Amino acid sequence: MTRLEARARLFAVCLSAVAGFVDGVGYMQSGGFFVSFMSGNSTRLGVGIVERASHAVLAAALIAAFVLGVAGGTLAGRGRAARKPFVLGLVAAALALAALCGSLGAGIAALLLAAFAMGAENATFEERGEVRIGLTYMTGTLVKIGQRLAAALTGREGGAWFPYFQLWLGLVGGAVLGAFAQTRLQSDALWIAAALTAGLALVAAARQPHGQER
């Protein structure tokens, strides 16, 4: 995150905000499950195995959809110089399908498609087969904040913690907006996320200089 130029950092924060927005909508629609935070769903899977099988099944399905989304996003961007627009185009399409399913009353399908989209979003900043920035989960980001704060307090190099804080703040802010939109629009709130992601895909495409990725 700290190695990115300022515009790329802002782009990452915007994508994290979209993830927070979608997760806020999904959490409220599902009654406490997540479409981007798979650590939470893994805990719900374990608890559901003991307490309620239907919860375990939903958690497992969301985890599987997320993993398939990561694979789909990776394949969508593989071998392309302009990989970000292709990955984000896939994310926008999946979110639009999720919004459509929600509008038609297919709530579970909407949640699974949203989880797929959030998995795919993580491939946006992939490099050499590894995800450079986790956009939809913040545990690692919070660890980085703590590590960088410790470095700053002891006067060591590498104490730049604020970019990671911005990424976390983007997700939290997006979740606030997603929860607010869901209370007003219900499942139609996902159309907002789809439109925002499509806009970010266009921004990424416009920034492509002569077929090279930045």
N, C-alpha and C. Protein backbone atom coordinates (compact mmCIF):
# COMPACT_ATOMS: atom_id res chain seq x y z
N MET A 1 0.84 -1.20 0.00
CA MET A 1 0.00 0.00 0.00
C MET A 1 0.87 1.25 0.00
N THR A 2 1.93 1.27 0.82
CA THR A 2 2.78 2.47 0.93
C THR A 2 3.62 2.68 -0.32
N ARG A 3 3.78 1.64 -1.14
CA ARG A 3 4.59 1.76 -2.34
C ARG A 3 3.81 2.29 -3.53
N LEU A 4 2.49 2.40 -3.38
CA LEU A 4 1.66 2.88 -4.47
C LEU A 4 1.72 4.40 -4.55
N GLU A 5 1.56 4.92 -5.76
CA GLU A 5 1.45 6.38 -5.92
C GLU A 5 0.12 6.84 -5.35
N ALA A 6 0.00 8.14 -5.13
CA ALA A 6 -1.18 8.69 -4.44
C ALA A 6 -2.48 8.33 -5.14
N ARG A 7 -2.50 8.40 -6.48
CA ARG A 7 -3.74 8.11 -7.21
C ARG A 7 -4.12 6.64 -7.06
N ALA A 8 -3.12 5.76 -7.08
CA ALA A 8 -3.40 4.33 -6.92
C ALA A 8 -3.91 4.04 -5.52
N ARG A 9 -3.38 4.74 -4.53
CA ARG A 9 -3.88 4.57 -3.16
C ARG A 9 -5.34 4.99 -3.05
N LEU A 10 -5.66 6.13 -3.66
CA LEU A 10 -7.05 6.60 -3.64
C LEU A 10 -7.96 5.60 -4.33
N PHE A 11 -7.49 5.03 -5.42
CA PHE A 11 -8.27 4.03 -6.15
C PHE A 11 -8.53 2.82 -5.25
N ALA A 12 -7.51 2.38 -4.51
CA ALA A 12 -7.66 1.25 -3.61
C ALA A 12 -8.66 1.57 -2.50
N VAL A 13 -8.60 2.79 -1.97
CA VAL A 13 -9.53 3.19 -0.92
C VAL A 13 -10.96 3.18 -1.45
N CYS A 14 -11.15 3.65 -2.68
CA CYS A 14 -12.49 3.64 -3.29
C CYS A 14 -13.02 2.21 -3.44
N LEU A 15 -12.14 1.30 -3.86
CA LEU A 15 -12.56 -0.09 -4.01
C LEU A 15 -12.87 -0.72 -2.65
N SER A 16 -12.10 -0.35 -1.64
CA SER A 16 -12.38 -0.84 -0.30
C SER A 16 -13.73 -0.31 0.19
N ALA A 17 -14.04 0.94 -0.15
CA ALA A 17 -15.34 1.51 0.22
C ALA A 17 -16.49 0.77 -0.46
N VAL A 18 -16.30 0.39 -1.72
CA VAL A 18 -17.31 -0.41 -2.41
C VAL A 18 -17.51 -1.74 -1.69
N ALA A 19 -16.39 -2.36 -1.28
CA ALA A 19 -16.48 -3.63 -0.56
C ALA A 19 -17.24 -3.46 0.74
N GLY A 20 -16.96 -2.38 1.47
CA GLY A 20 -17.68 -2.12 2.70
C GLY A 20 -19.17 -1.90 2.45
N PHE A 21 -19.47 -1.18 1.39
CA PHE A 21 -20.86 -0.91 1.01
C PHE A 21 -21.59 -2.23 0.76
N VAL A 22 -21.00 -3.09 -0.07
CA VAL A 22 -21.63 -4.36 -0.42
C VAL A 22 -21.76 -5.25 0.81
N ASP A 23 -20.74 -5.26 1.65
CA ASP A 23 -20.79 -6.10 2.84
C ASP A 23 -21.85 -5.60 3.81
N GLY A 24 -21.99 -4.27 3.92
CA GLY A 24 -23.04 -3.72 4.77
C GLY A 24 -24.43 -4.13 4.29
N VAL A 25 -24.63 -4.04 2.98
CA VAL A 25 -25.92 -4.45 2.40
C VAL A 25 -26.15 -5.94 2.64
N GLY A 26 -25.13 -6.75 2.33
CA GLY A 26 -25.27 -8.20 2.48
C GLY A 26 -25.50 -8.63 3.92
N TYR A 27 -24.80 -7.97 4.83
CA TYR A 27 -24.95 -8.32 6.25
C TYR A 27 -26.38 -8.08 6.72
N MET A 28 -26.95 -6.97 6.33
CA MET A 28 -28.30 -6.65 6.77
C MET A 28 -29.34 -7.52 6.07
N GLN A 29 -29.11 -7.82 4.80
CA GLN A 29 -30.07 -8.65 4.07
C GLN A 29 -30.07 -10.09 4.56
N SER A 30 -28.90 -10.59 4.97
CA SER A 30 -28.78 -11.99 5.35
C SER A 30 -29.02 -12.23 6.83
N GLY A 31 -29.11 -11.16 7.60
CA GLY A 31 -29.29 -11.31 9.04
C GLY A 31 -28.03 -11.71 9.77
N GLY A 32 -26.89 -11.20 9.31
CA GLY A 32 -25.66 -11.41 10.07
C GLY A 32 -24.59 -12.23 9.38
N PHE A 33 -24.70 -12.43 8.07
CA PHE A 33 -23.63 -13.08 7.31
C PHE A 33 -22.91 -12.03 6.47
N PHE A 34 -21.75 -12.42 5.96
CA PHE A 34 -20.91 -11.47 5.25
C PHE A 34 -20.73 -11.91 3.80
N VAL A 35 -20.53 -10.93 2.92
CA VAL A 35 -20.24 -11.26 1.53
C VAL A 35 -18.81 -10.89 1.14
N SER A 36 -18.08 -10.24 2.05
CA SER A 36 -16.67 -9.97 1.76
C SER A 36 -15.73 -10.42 2.87
N PHE A 37 -16.24 -10.59 4.09
CA PHE A 37 -15.42 -10.91 5.25
C PHE A 37 -15.53 -12.40 5.55
N MET A 38 -14.65 -13.19 4.95
CA MET A 38 -14.78 -14.64 5.05
C MET A 38 -14.27 -15.21 6.37
N SER A 39 -13.48 -14.44 7.13
CA SER A 39 -13.11 -14.89 8.48
C SER A 39 -14.37 -14.98 9.33
N GLY A 40 -15.23 -13.96 9.22
CA GLY A 40 -16.49 -13.97 9.96
C GLY A 40 -17.37 -15.14 9.55
N ASN A 41 -17.44 -15.40 8.24
CA ASN A 41 -18.25 -16.52 7.78
C ASN A 41 -17.66 -17.86 8.20
N SER A 42 -16.34 -17.93 8.29
CA SER A 42 -15.71 -19.17 8.75
C SER A 42 -16.10 -19.45 10.20
N THR A 43 -16.15 -18.40 11.02
CA THR A 43 -16.61 -18.57 12.39
C THR A 43 -18.08 -18.97 12.42
N ARG A 44 -18.89 -18.35 11.56
CA ARG A 44 -20.31 -18.70 11.50
C ARG A 44 -20.50 -20.13 11.03
N LEU A 45 -19.63 -20.59 10.15
CA LEU A 45 -19.68 -21.98 9.71
C LEU A 45 -19.44 -22.92 10.90
N GLY A 46 -18.37 -22.64 11.67
CA GLY A 46 -18.07 -23.48 12.81
C GLY A 46 -19.17 -23.49 13.85
N VAL A 47 -19.70 -22.31 14.17
CA VAL A 47 -20.79 -22.22 15.15
C VAL A 47 -22.04 -22.89 14.61
N GLY A 48 -22.29 -22.70 13.31
CA GLY A 48 -23.49 -23.29 12.71
C GLY A 48 -23.47 -24.80 12.72
N ILE A 49 -22.29 -25.39 12.59
CA ILE A 49 -22.19 -26.85 12.64
C ILE A 49 -22.70 -27.38 13.98
N VAL A 50 -22.48 -26.59 15.03
CA VAL A 50 -22.91 -27.00 16.36
C VAL A 50 -24.36 -26.60 16.63
N GLU A 51 -24.73 -25.38 16.21
CA GLU A 51 -26.02 -24.83 16.62
C GLU A 51 -27.13 -24.98 15.58
N ARG A 52 -26.81 -24.68 14.31
CA ARG A 52 -27.87 -24.62 13.31
C ARG A 52 -27.30 -24.95 11.93
N ALA A 53 -27.70 -26.07 11.38
CA ALA A 53 -27.12 -26.56 10.13
C ALA A 53 -27.36 -25.60 8.97
N SER A 54 -28.52 -24.94 8.93
CA SER A 54 -28.82 -24.05 7.82
C SER A 54 -27.85 -22.87 7.78
N HIS A 55 -27.43 -22.40 8.95
CA HIS A 55 -26.45 -21.32 9.00
C HIS A 55 -25.10 -21.80 8.50
N ALA A 56 -24.74 -23.01 8.85
CA ALA A 56 -23.47 -23.58 8.38
C ALA A 56 -23.48 -23.72 6.86
N VAL A 57 -24.60 -24.14 6.31
CA VAL A 57 -24.69 -24.31 4.85
C VAL A 57 -24.55 -22.97 4.15
N LEU A 58 -25.23 -21.93 4.65
CA LEU A 58 -25.14 -20.61 4.03
C LEU A 58 -23.73 -20.06 4.12
N ALA A 59 -23.11 -20.19 5.29
CA ALA A 59 -21.75 -19.70 5.46
C ALA A 59 -20.79 -20.41 4.50
N ALA A 60 -20.94 -21.73 4.39
CA ALA A 60 -20.07 -22.49 3.49
C ALA A 60 -20.29 -22.08 2.04
N ALA A 61 -21.54 -21.85 1.67
CA ALA A 61 -21.84 -21.44 0.30
C ALA A 61 -21.23 -20.07 -0.02
N LEU A 62 -21.30 -19.15 0.93
CA LEU A 62 -20.72 -17.82 0.72
C LEU A 62 -19.19 -17.90 0.60
N ILE A 63 -18.58 -18.73 1.42
CA ILE A 63 -17.13 -18.91 1.33
C ILE A 63 -16.74 -19.48 -0.03
N ALA A 64 -17.48 -20.50 -0.48
CA ALA A 64 -17.20 -21.11 -1.78
C ALA A 64 -17.37 -20.10 -2.91
N ALA A 65 -18.43 -19.28 -2.84
CA ALA A 65 -18.66 -18.28 -3.88
C ALA A 65 -17.53 -17.25 -3.90
N PHE A 66 -17.06 -16.86 -2.72
CA PHE A 66 -15.96 -15.90 -2.63
C PHE A 66 -14.69 -16.47 -3.26
N VAL A 67 -14.37 -17.72 -2.94
CA VAL A 67 -13.17 -18.35 -3.50
C VAL A 67 -13.28 -18.46 -5.02
N LEU A 68 -14.45 -18.83 -5.50
CA LEU A 68 -14.65 -18.89 -6.95
C LEU A 68 -14.50 -17.50 -7.57
N GLY A 69 -14.93 -16.47 -6.86
CA GLY A 69 -14.76 -15.12 -7.35
C GLY A 69 -13.30 -14.73 -7.47
N VAL A 70 -12.50 -15.10 -6.47
CA VAL A 70 -11.06 -14.83 -6.54
C VAL A 70 -10.47 -15.51 -7.77
N ALA A 71 -10.84 -16.78 -7.98
CA ALA A 71 -10.34 -17.50 -9.15
C ALA A 71 -10.81 -16.84 -10.44
N GLY A 72 -12.09 -16.43 -10.47
CA GLY A 72 -12.63 -15.78 -11.66
C GLY A 72 -11.95 -14.46 -11.96
N GLY A 73 -11.72 -13.66 -10.91
CA GLY A 73 -11.03 -12.39 -11.10
C GLY A 73 -9.60 -12.58 -11.57
N THR A 74 -8.93 -13.58 -11.03
CA THR A 74 -7.55 -13.87 -11.44
C THR A 74 -7.50 -14.27 -12.91
N LEU A 75 -8.43 -15.13 -13.31
CA LEU A 75 -8.46 -15.57 -14.71
C LEU A 75 -8.85 -14.43 -15.64
N ALA A 76 -9.75 -13.56 -15.19
CA ALA A 76 -10.18 -12.44 -16.04
C ALA A 76 -9.03 -11.49 -16.34
N GLY A 77 -8.12 -11.32 -15.38
CA GLY A 77 -7.01 -10.40 -15.59
C GLY A 77 -5.74 -11.02 -16.08
N ARG A 78 -5.68 -12.35 -16.13
CA ARG A 78 -4.43 -13.02 -16.48
C ARG A 78 -4.01 -12.73 -17.91
N GLY A 79 -2.76 -12.35 -18.07
CA GLY A 79 -2.20 -12.13 -19.39
C GLY A 79 -2.63 -10.84 -20.06
N ARG A 80 -3.31 -9.97 -19.33
CA ARG A 80 -3.77 -8.71 -19.92
C ARG A 80 -2.96 -7.55 -19.37
N ALA A 81 -2.52 -6.69 -20.25
CA ALA A 81 -1.81 -5.48 -19.79
C ALA A 81 -2.76 -4.59 -19.01
N ALA A 82 -3.98 -4.44 -19.50
CA ALA A 82 -5.00 -3.63 -18.83
C ALA A 82 -5.88 -4.54 -17.98
N ARG A 83 -5.30 -5.11 -16.93
CA ARG A 83 -6.03 -6.12 -16.17
C ARG A 83 -7.11 -5.52 -15.27
N LYS A 84 -6.87 -4.34 -14.71
CA LYS A 84 -7.83 -3.76 -13.76
C LYS A 84 -9.21 -3.56 -14.39
N PRO A 85 -9.32 -2.97 -15.60
CA PRO A 85 -10.66 -2.79 -16.17
C PRO A 85 -11.40 -4.11 -16.39
N PHE A 86 -10.68 -5.16 -16.78
CA PHE A 86 -11.33 -6.44 -17.01
C PHE A 86 -11.82 -7.05 -15.69
N VAL A 87 -10.98 -6.98 -14.66
CA VAL A 87 -11.38 -7.52 -13.36
C VAL A 87 -12.58 -6.75 -12.81
N LEU A 88 -12.50 -5.42 -12.86
CA LEU A 88 -13.60 -4.61 -12.32
C LEU A 88 -14.86 -4.73 -13.16
N GLY A 89 -14.70 -4.96 -14.46
CA GLY A 89 -15.87 -5.23 -15.30
C GLY A 89 -16.60 -6.49 -14.86
N LEU A 90 -15.81 -7.52 -14.51
CA LEU A 90 -16.42 -8.75 -13.98
C LEU A 90 -17.13 -8.48 -12.66
N VAL A 91 -16.50 -7.71 -11.78
CA VAL A 91 -17.10 -7.38 -10.49
C VAL A 91 -18.41 -6.62 -10.69
N ALA A 92 -18.40 -5.63 -11.57
CA ALA A 92 -19.60 -4.84 -11.83
C ALA A 92 -20.73 -5.71 -12.39
N ALA A 93 -20.38 -6.62 -13.30
CA ALA A 93 -21.39 -7.50 -13.88
C ALA A 93 -21.99 -8.42 -12.82
N ALA A 94 -21.14 -8.96 -11.95
CA ALA A 94 -21.64 -9.84 -10.89
C ALA A 94 -22.54 -9.08 -9.91
N LEU A 95 -22.16 -7.84 -9.59
CA LEU A 95 -22.99 -7.04 -8.69
C LEU A 95 -24.33 -6.67 -9.33
N ALA A 96 -24.30 -6.40 -10.63
CA ALA A 96 -25.55 -6.09 -11.33
C ALA A 96 -26.48 -7.31 -11.33
N LEU A 97 -25.90 -8.50 -11.54
CA LEU A 97 -26.71 -9.73 -11.48
C LEU A 97 -27.25 -9.95 -10.07
N ALA A 98 -26.41 -9.64 -9.07
CA ALA A 98 -26.87 -9.78 -7.68
C ALA A 98 -28.03 -8.84 -7.42
N ALA A 99 -27.93 -7.59 -7.89
CA ALA A 99 -29.02 -6.63 -7.71
C ALA A 99 -30.28 -7.09 -8.42
N LEU A 100 -30.13 -7.66 -9.62
CA LEU A 100 -31.28 -8.15 -10.36
C LEU A 100 -31.95 -9.31 -9.62
N CYS A 101 -31.13 -10.25 -9.13
CA CYS A 101 -31.69 -11.38 -8.37
C CYS A 101 -32.41 -10.89 -7.13
N GLY A 102 -31.82 -9.90 -6.45
CA GLY A 102 -32.47 -9.35 -5.27
C GLY A 102 -33.81 -8.71 -5.61
N SER A 103 -33.84 -8.01 -6.74
CA SER A 103 -35.09 -7.36 -7.16
C SER A 103 -36.17 -8.38 -7.50
N LEU A 104 -35.74 -9.57 -7.94
CA LEU A 104 -36.68 -10.62 -8.30
C LEU A 104 -37.04 -11.52 -7.13
N GLY A 105 -36.49 -11.23 -5.96
CA GLY A 105 -36.82 -12.01 -4.78
C GLY A 105 -35.92 -13.21 -4.54
N ALA A 106 -34.87 -13.36 -5.34
CA ALA A 106 -33.94 -14.48 -5.16
C ALA A 106 -32.79 -14.03 -4.25
N GLY A 107 -33.10 -13.93 -2.96
CA GLY A 107 -32.16 -13.35 -2.01
C GLY A 107 -30.87 -14.12 -1.85
N ILE A 108 -30.95 -15.46 -1.80
CA ILE A 108 -29.74 -16.27 -1.62
C ILE A 108 -28.82 -16.14 -2.83
N ALA A 109 -29.41 -16.18 -4.03
CA ALA A 109 -28.61 -16.02 -5.24
C ALA A 109 -27.93 -14.65 -5.25
N ALA A 110 -28.63 -13.62 -4.79
CA ALA A 110 -28.05 -12.28 -4.72
C ALA A 110 -26.85 -12.25 -3.79
N LEU A 111 -26.96 -12.90 -2.63
CA LEU A 111 -25.86 -12.94 -1.68
C LEU A 111 -24.66 -13.69 -2.25
N LEU A 112 -24.90 -14.80 -2.92
CA LEU A 112 -23.81 -15.59 -3.48
C LEU A 112 -23.09 -14.84 -4.60
N LEU A 113 -23.86 -14.14 -5.43
CA LEU A 113 -23.25 -13.35 -6.49
C LEU A 113 -22.46 -12.17 -5.93
N ALA A 114 -22.96 -11.58 -4.86
CA ALA A 114 -22.23 -10.49 -4.21
C ALA A 114 -20.91 -11.00 -3.63
N ALA A 115 -20.94 -12.19 -3.02
CA ALA A 115 -19.71 -12.79 -2.49
C ALA A 115 -18.73 -13.10 -3.61
N PHE A 116 -19.24 -13.62 -4.73
CA PHE A 116 -18.39 -13.86 -5.90
C PHE A 116 -17.72 -12.56 -6.35
N ALA A 117 -18.51 -11.49 -6.41
CA ALA A 117 -17.99 -10.19 -6.84
C ALA A 117 -16.89 -9.70 -5.91
N MET A 118 -17.09 -9.85 -4.61
CA MET A 118 -16.10 -9.39 -3.65
C MET A 118 -14.82 -10.22 -3.72
N GLY A 119 -14.95 -11.51 -3.99
CA GLY A 119 -13.76 -12.32 -4.20
C GLY A 119 -12.99 -11.86 -5.43
N ALA A 120 -13.72 -11.59 -6.51
CA ALA A 120 -13.07 -11.14 -7.74
C ALA A 120 -12.39 -9.79 -7.56
N GLU A 121 -12.97 -8.91 -6.75
CA GLU A 121 -12.39 -7.58 -6.55
C GLU A 121 -10.97 -7.67 -5.99
N ASN A 122 -10.69 -8.70 -5.21
CA ASN A 122 -9.37 -8.83 -4.61
C ASN A 122 -8.28 -9.10 -5.63
N ALA A 123 -8.66 -9.49 -6.84
CA ALA A 123 -7.67 -9.72 -7.89
C ALA A 123 -7.26 -8.42 -8.59
N THR A 124 -7.85 -7.30 -8.21
CA THR A 124 -7.56 -6.03 -8.88
C THR A 124 -6.09 -5.65 -8.77
N PHE A 125 -5.53 -5.82 -7.58
CA PHE A 125 -4.13 -5.45 -7.35
C PHE A 125 -3.23 -6.68 -7.25
N GLU A 126 -3.54 -7.68 -8.05
CA GLU A 126 -2.72 -8.89 -8.06
C GLU A 126 -1.43 -8.65 -8.86
N GLU A 127 -0.35 -9.22 -8.38
CA GLU A 127 0.93 -9.10 -9.07
C GLU A 127 1.71 -10.39 -8.88
N ARG A 128 2.12 -10.99 -10.00
CA ARG A 128 2.87 -12.26 -9.98
C ARG A 128 2.14 -13.32 -9.18
N GLY A 129 0.84 -13.37 -9.36
CA GLY A 129 0.05 -14.40 -8.71
C GLY A 129 -0.27 -14.15 -7.26
N GLU A 130 0.14 -13.01 -6.71
CA GLU A 130 -0.12 -12.70 -5.31
C GLU A 130 -0.92 -11.40 -5.20
N VAL A 131 -1.85 -11.37 -4.25
CA VAL A 131 -2.64 -10.16 -4.01
C VAL A 131 -1.81 -9.15 -3.24
N ARG A 132 -1.60 -7.97 -3.83
CA ARG A 132 -0.79 -6.94 -3.18
C ARG A 132 -1.55 -6.22 -2.08
N ILE A 133 -2.85 -6.01 -2.29
CA ILE A 133 -3.67 -5.29 -1.32
C ILE A 133 -4.97 -6.05 -1.11
N GLY A 134 -5.26 -6.40 0.13
CA GLY A 134 -6.55 -7.00 0.44
C GLY A 134 -7.60 -5.91 0.55
N LEU A 135 -8.53 -5.90 -0.38
CA LEU A 135 -9.50 -4.81 -0.44
C LEU A 135 -10.76 -5.07 0.37
N THR A 136 -11.06 -6.33 0.65
CA THR A 136 -12.35 -6.66 1.26
C THR A 136 -12.21 -7.20 2.68
N TYR A 137 -11.01 -7.28 3.19
CA TYR A 137 -10.81 -7.77 4.57
C TYR A 137 -9.72 -6.93 5.21
N MET A 138 -9.88 -6.62 6.49
CA MET A 138 -9.05 -5.60 7.11
C MET A 138 -8.18 -6.10 8.27
N THR A 139 -8.22 -7.37 8.59
CA THR A 139 -7.39 -7.85 9.71
C THR A 139 -5.91 -7.60 9.44
N GLY A 140 -5.46 -7.96 8.23
CA GLY A 140 -4.06 -7.73 7.88
C GLY A 140 -3.72 -6.25 7.85
N THR A 141 -4.67 -5.44 7.40
CA THR A 141 -4.46 -4.00 7.35
C THR A 141 -4.31 -3.42 8.76
N LEU A 142 -5.13 -3.89 9.69
CA LEU A 142 -5.02 -3.42 11.07
C LEU A 142 -3.71 -3.86 11.71
N VAL A 143 -3.25 -5.06 11.36
CA VAL A 143 -1.94 -5.51 11.84
C VAL A 143 -0.85 -4.57 11.33
N LYS A 144 -0.95 -4.20 10.04
CA LYS A 144 0.03 -3.27 9.47
C LYS A 144 0.00 -1.92 10.19
N ILE A 145 -1.19 -1.44 10.52
CA ILE A 145 -1.29 -0.17 11.25
C ILE A 145 -0.55 -0.28 12.57
N GLY A 146 -0.79 -1.36 13.30
CA GLY A 146 -0.12 -1.54 14.57
C GLY A 146 1.39 -1.63 14.43
N GLN A 147 1.86 -2.37 13.43
CA GLN A 147 3.30 -2.51 13.20
C GLN A 147 3.93 -1.17 12.83
N ARG A 148 3.26 -0.42 11.96
CA ARG A 148 3.81 0.87 11.52
C ARG A 148 3.78 1.89 12.66
N LEU A 149 2.76 1.83 13.50
CA LEU A 149 2.72 2.72 14.66
C LEU A 149 3.88 2.42 15.61
N ALA A 150 4.14 1.14 15.80
CA ALA A 150 5.26 0.76 16.67
C ALA A 150 6.58 1.27 16.08
N ALA A 151 6.74 1.14 14.76
CA ALA A 151 7.95 1.63 14.12
C ALA A 151 8.09 3.14 14.25
N ALA A 152 6.95 3.86 14.08
CA ALA A 152 6.99 5.32 14.19
C ALA A 152 7.33 5.76 15.61
N LEU A 153 6.78 5.06 16.60
CA LEU A 153 7.01 5.43 17.99
C LEU A 153 8.45 5.17 18.43
N THR A 154 9.11 4.23 17.78
CA THR A 154 10.49 3.92 18.14
C THR A 154 11.50 4.57 17.19
N GLY A 155 10.98 5.42 16.27
CA GLY A 155 11.87 6.17 15.39
C GLY A 155 12.50 5.35 14.29
N ARG A 156 11.95 4.20 13.99
CA ARG A 156 12.50 3.36 12.94
C ARG A 156 11.84 3.68 11.59
N GLU A 157 12.51 3.26 10.52
CA GLU A 157 11.95 3.46 9.19
C GLU A 157 10.72 2.57 9.01
N GLY A 158 9.91 2.95 8.05
CA GLY A 158 8.72 2.15 7.78
C GLY A 158 7.57 2.43 8.71
N GLY A 159 7.53 3.64 9.26
CA GLY A 159 6.46 3.97 10.19
C GLY A 159 5.26 4.65 9.56
N ALA A 160 5.11 4.55 8.24
CA ALA A 160 3.99 5.19 7.54
C ALA A 160 2.73 4.34 7.72
N TRP A 161 1.90 4.70 8.70
CA TRP A 161 0.71 3.92 9.01
C TRP A 161 -0.55 4.50 8.38
N PHE A 162 -0.53 5.76 7.99
CA PHE A 162 -1.77 6.42 7.57
C PHE A 162 -2.38 5.82 6.30
N PRO A 163 -1.60 5.39 5.29
CA PRO A 163 -2.23 4.78 4.12
C PRO A 163 -3.06 3.54 4.47
N TYR A 164 -2.60 2.76 5.42
CA TYR A 164 -3.38 1.59 5.84
C TYR A 164 -4.64 2.02 6.61
N PHE A 165 -4.50 3.07 7.39
CA PHE A 165 -5.68 3.60 8.09
C PHE A 165 -6.72 4.09 7.08
N GLN A 166 -6.27 4.74 6.01
CA GLN A 166 -7.20 5.20 4.97
C GLN A 166 -7.95 4.04 4.35
N LEU A 167 -7.24 2.93 4.11
CA LEU A 167 -7.88 1.76 3.52
C LEU A 167 -8.96 1.22 4.46
N TRP A 168 -8.64 1.12 5.74
CA TRP A 168 -9.62 0.66 6.74
C TRP A 168 -10.79 1.62 6.82
N LEU A 169 -10.49 2.90 6.84
CA LEU A 169 -11.55 3.91 6.93
C LEU A 169 -12.47 3.85 5.71
N GLY A 170 -11.89 3.56 4.55
CA GLY A 170 -12.71 3.42 3.34
C GLY A 170 -13.72 2.31 3.49
N LEU A 171 -13.30 1.16 4.02
CA LEU A 171 -14.23 0.04 4.19
C LEU A 171 -15.31 0.37 5.20
N VAL A 172 -14.92 0.97 6.32
CA VAL A 172 -15.91 1.32 7.35
C VAL A 172 -16.90 2.36 6.82
N GLY A 173 -16.38 3.37 6.14
CA GLY A 173 -17.27 4.38 5.57
C GLY A 173 -18.22 3.78 4.55
N GLY A 174 -17.71 2.87 3.72
CA GLY A 174 -18.57 2.20 2.75
C GLY A 174 -19.65 1.38 3.42
N ALA A 175 -19.30 0.71 4.54
CA ALA A 175 -20.28 -0.10 5.27
C ALA A 175 -21.39 0.78 5.84
N VAL A 176 -21.02 1.97 6.33
CA VAL A 176 -22.04 2.90 6.84
C VAL A 176 -23.01 3.28 5.71
N LEU A 177 -22.45 3.63 4.56
CA LEU A 177 -23.30 4.01 3.43
C LEU A 177 -24.14 2.84 2.93
N GLY A 178 -23.55 1.64 2.92
CA GLY A 178 -24.29 0.47 2.49
C GLY A 178 -25.45 0.16 3.41
N ALA A 179 -25.22 0.25 4.71
CA ALA A 179 -26.29 0.00 5.67
C ALA A 179 -27.41 1.04 5.51
N PHE A 180 -27.01 2.29 5.32
CA PHE A 180 -28.01 3.35 5.13
C PHE A 180 -28.82 3.10 3.85
N ALA A 181 -28.12 2.75 2.75
CA ALA A 181 -28.81 2.50 1.48
C ALA A 181 -29.74 1.30 1.58
N GLN A 182 -29.31 0.27 2.32
CA GLN A 182 -30.14 -0.92 2.43
C GLN A 182 -31.43 -0.64 3.18
N THR A 183 -31.36 0.23 4.18
CA THR A 183 -32.58 0.56 4.92
C THR A 183 -33.57 1.33 4.06
N ARG A 184 -33.07 2.01 3.03
CA ARG A 184 -33.94 2.79 2.16
C ARG A 184 -34.36 2.02 0.90
N LEU A 185 -33.44 1.25 0.34
CA LEU A 185 -33.66 0.63 -0.96
C LEU A 185 -33.73 -0.88 -0.94
N GLN A 186 -33.43 -1.50 0.20
CA GLN A 186 -33.35 -2.95 0.32
C GLN A 186 -32.37 -3.51 -0.74
N SER A 187 -32.76 -4.56 -1.43
CA SER A 187 -31.83 -5.21 -2.36
C SER A 187 -31.42 -4.31 -3.52
N ASP A 188 -32.22 -3.31 -3.83
CA ASP A 188 -31.87 -2.40 -4.93
C ASP A 188 -30.61 -1.58 -4.62
N ALA A 189 -30.18 -1.58 -3.36
CA ALA A 189 -28.95 -0.85 -3.02
C ALA A 189 -27.75 -1.39 -3.78
N LEU A 190 -27.79 -2.66 -4.15
CA LEU A 190 -26.65 -3.23 -4.88
C LEU A 190 -26.48 -2.63 -6.28
N TRP A 191 -27.54 -2.04 -6.82
CA TRP A 191 -27.39 -1.35 -8.11
C TRP A 191 -26.40 -0.18 -7.97
N ILE A 192 -26.39 0.45 -6.81
CA ILE A 192 -25.45 1.55 -6.58
C ILE A 192 -24.03 1.02 -6.62
N ALA A 193 -23.79 -0.11 -5.95
CA ALA A 193 -22.45 -0.69 -5.95
C ALA A 193 -22.01 -1.11 -7.35
N ALA A 194 -22.95 -1.66 -8.11
CA ALA A 194 -22.62 -2.07 -9.48
C ALA A 194 -22.24 -0.85 -10.33
N ALA A 195 -23.00 0.24 -10.18
CA ALA A 195 -22.71 1.45 -10.95
C ALA A 195 -21.37 2.06 -10.54
N LEU A 196 -21.09 2.08 -9.24
CA LEU A 196 -19.82 2.63 -8.77
C LEU A 196 -18.65 1.81 -9.30
N THR A 197 -18.78 0.49 -9.27
CA THR A 197 -17.70 -0.36 -9.76
C THR A 197 -17.50 -0.20 -11.26
N ALA A 198 -18.60 -0.08 -12.00
CA ALA A 198 -18.48 0.16 -13.44
C ALA A 198 -17.77 1.48 -13.70
N GLY A 199 -18.08 2.50 -12.90
CA GLY A 199 -17.39 3.78 -13.04
C GLY A 199 -15.90 3.66 -12.76
N LEU A 200 -15.54 2.89 -11.73
CA LEU A 200 -14.13 2.69 -11.42
C LEU A 200 -13.42 1.89 -12.52
N ALA A 201 -14.14 0.97 -13.15
CA ALA A 201 -13.56 0.23 -14.28
C ALA A 201 -13.25 1.18 -15.43
N LEU A 202 -14.15 2.13 -15.68
CA LEU A 202 -13.91 3.12 -16.74
C LEU A 202 -12.73 4.02 -16.39
N VAL A 203 -12.61 4.38 -15.12
CA VAL A 203 -11.47 5.19 -14.69
C VAL A 203 -10.17 4.42 -14.91
N ALA A 204 -10.17 3.15 -14.53
CA ALA A 204 -8.98 2.32 -14.71
C ALA A 204 -8.61 2.20 -16.18
N ALA A 205 -9.63 2.05 -17.04
CA ALA A 205 -9.36 1.94 -18.47
C ALA A 205 -8.81 3.25 -19.03
N ALA A 206 -9.33 4.36 -18.55
CA ALA A 206 -8.86 5.66 -19.05
C ALA A 206 -7.42 5.95 -18.63
N ARG A 207 -6.99 5.35 -17.55
CA ARG A 207 -5.64 5.60 -17.05
C ARG A 207 -4.60 4.69 -17.68
N GLN A 208 -5.02 3.78 -18.55
CA GLN A 208 -4.07 2.87 -19.17
C GLN A 208 -3.23 3.59 -20.22
N PRO A 209 -1.93 3.78 -19.99
CA PRO A 209 -1.10 4.46 -20.97
C PRO A 209 -0.50 3.51 -22.00
N HIS A 210 -1.00 3.59 -23.22
CA HIS A 210 -0.44 2.81 -24.32
C HIS A 210 -0.38 1.33 -24.01
N GLY A 211 -1.47 0.82 -23.41
CA GLY A 211 -1.55 -0.61 -23.18
C GLY A 211 -0.76 -1.10 -22.00
N GLN A 212 -0.15 -0.21 -21.23
CA GLN A 212 0.61 -0.65 -20.07
C GLN A 212 -0.17 -0.34 -18.80
N GLU A 213 -0.04 -1.22 -17.82
CA GLU A 213 -0.78 -1.05 -16.58
C GLU A 213 -0.01 -0.15 -15.62
N ARG A 214 -0.78 0.66 -14.88
CA ARG A 214 -0.18 1.48 -13.83
C ARG A 214 -0.81 1.14 -12.50
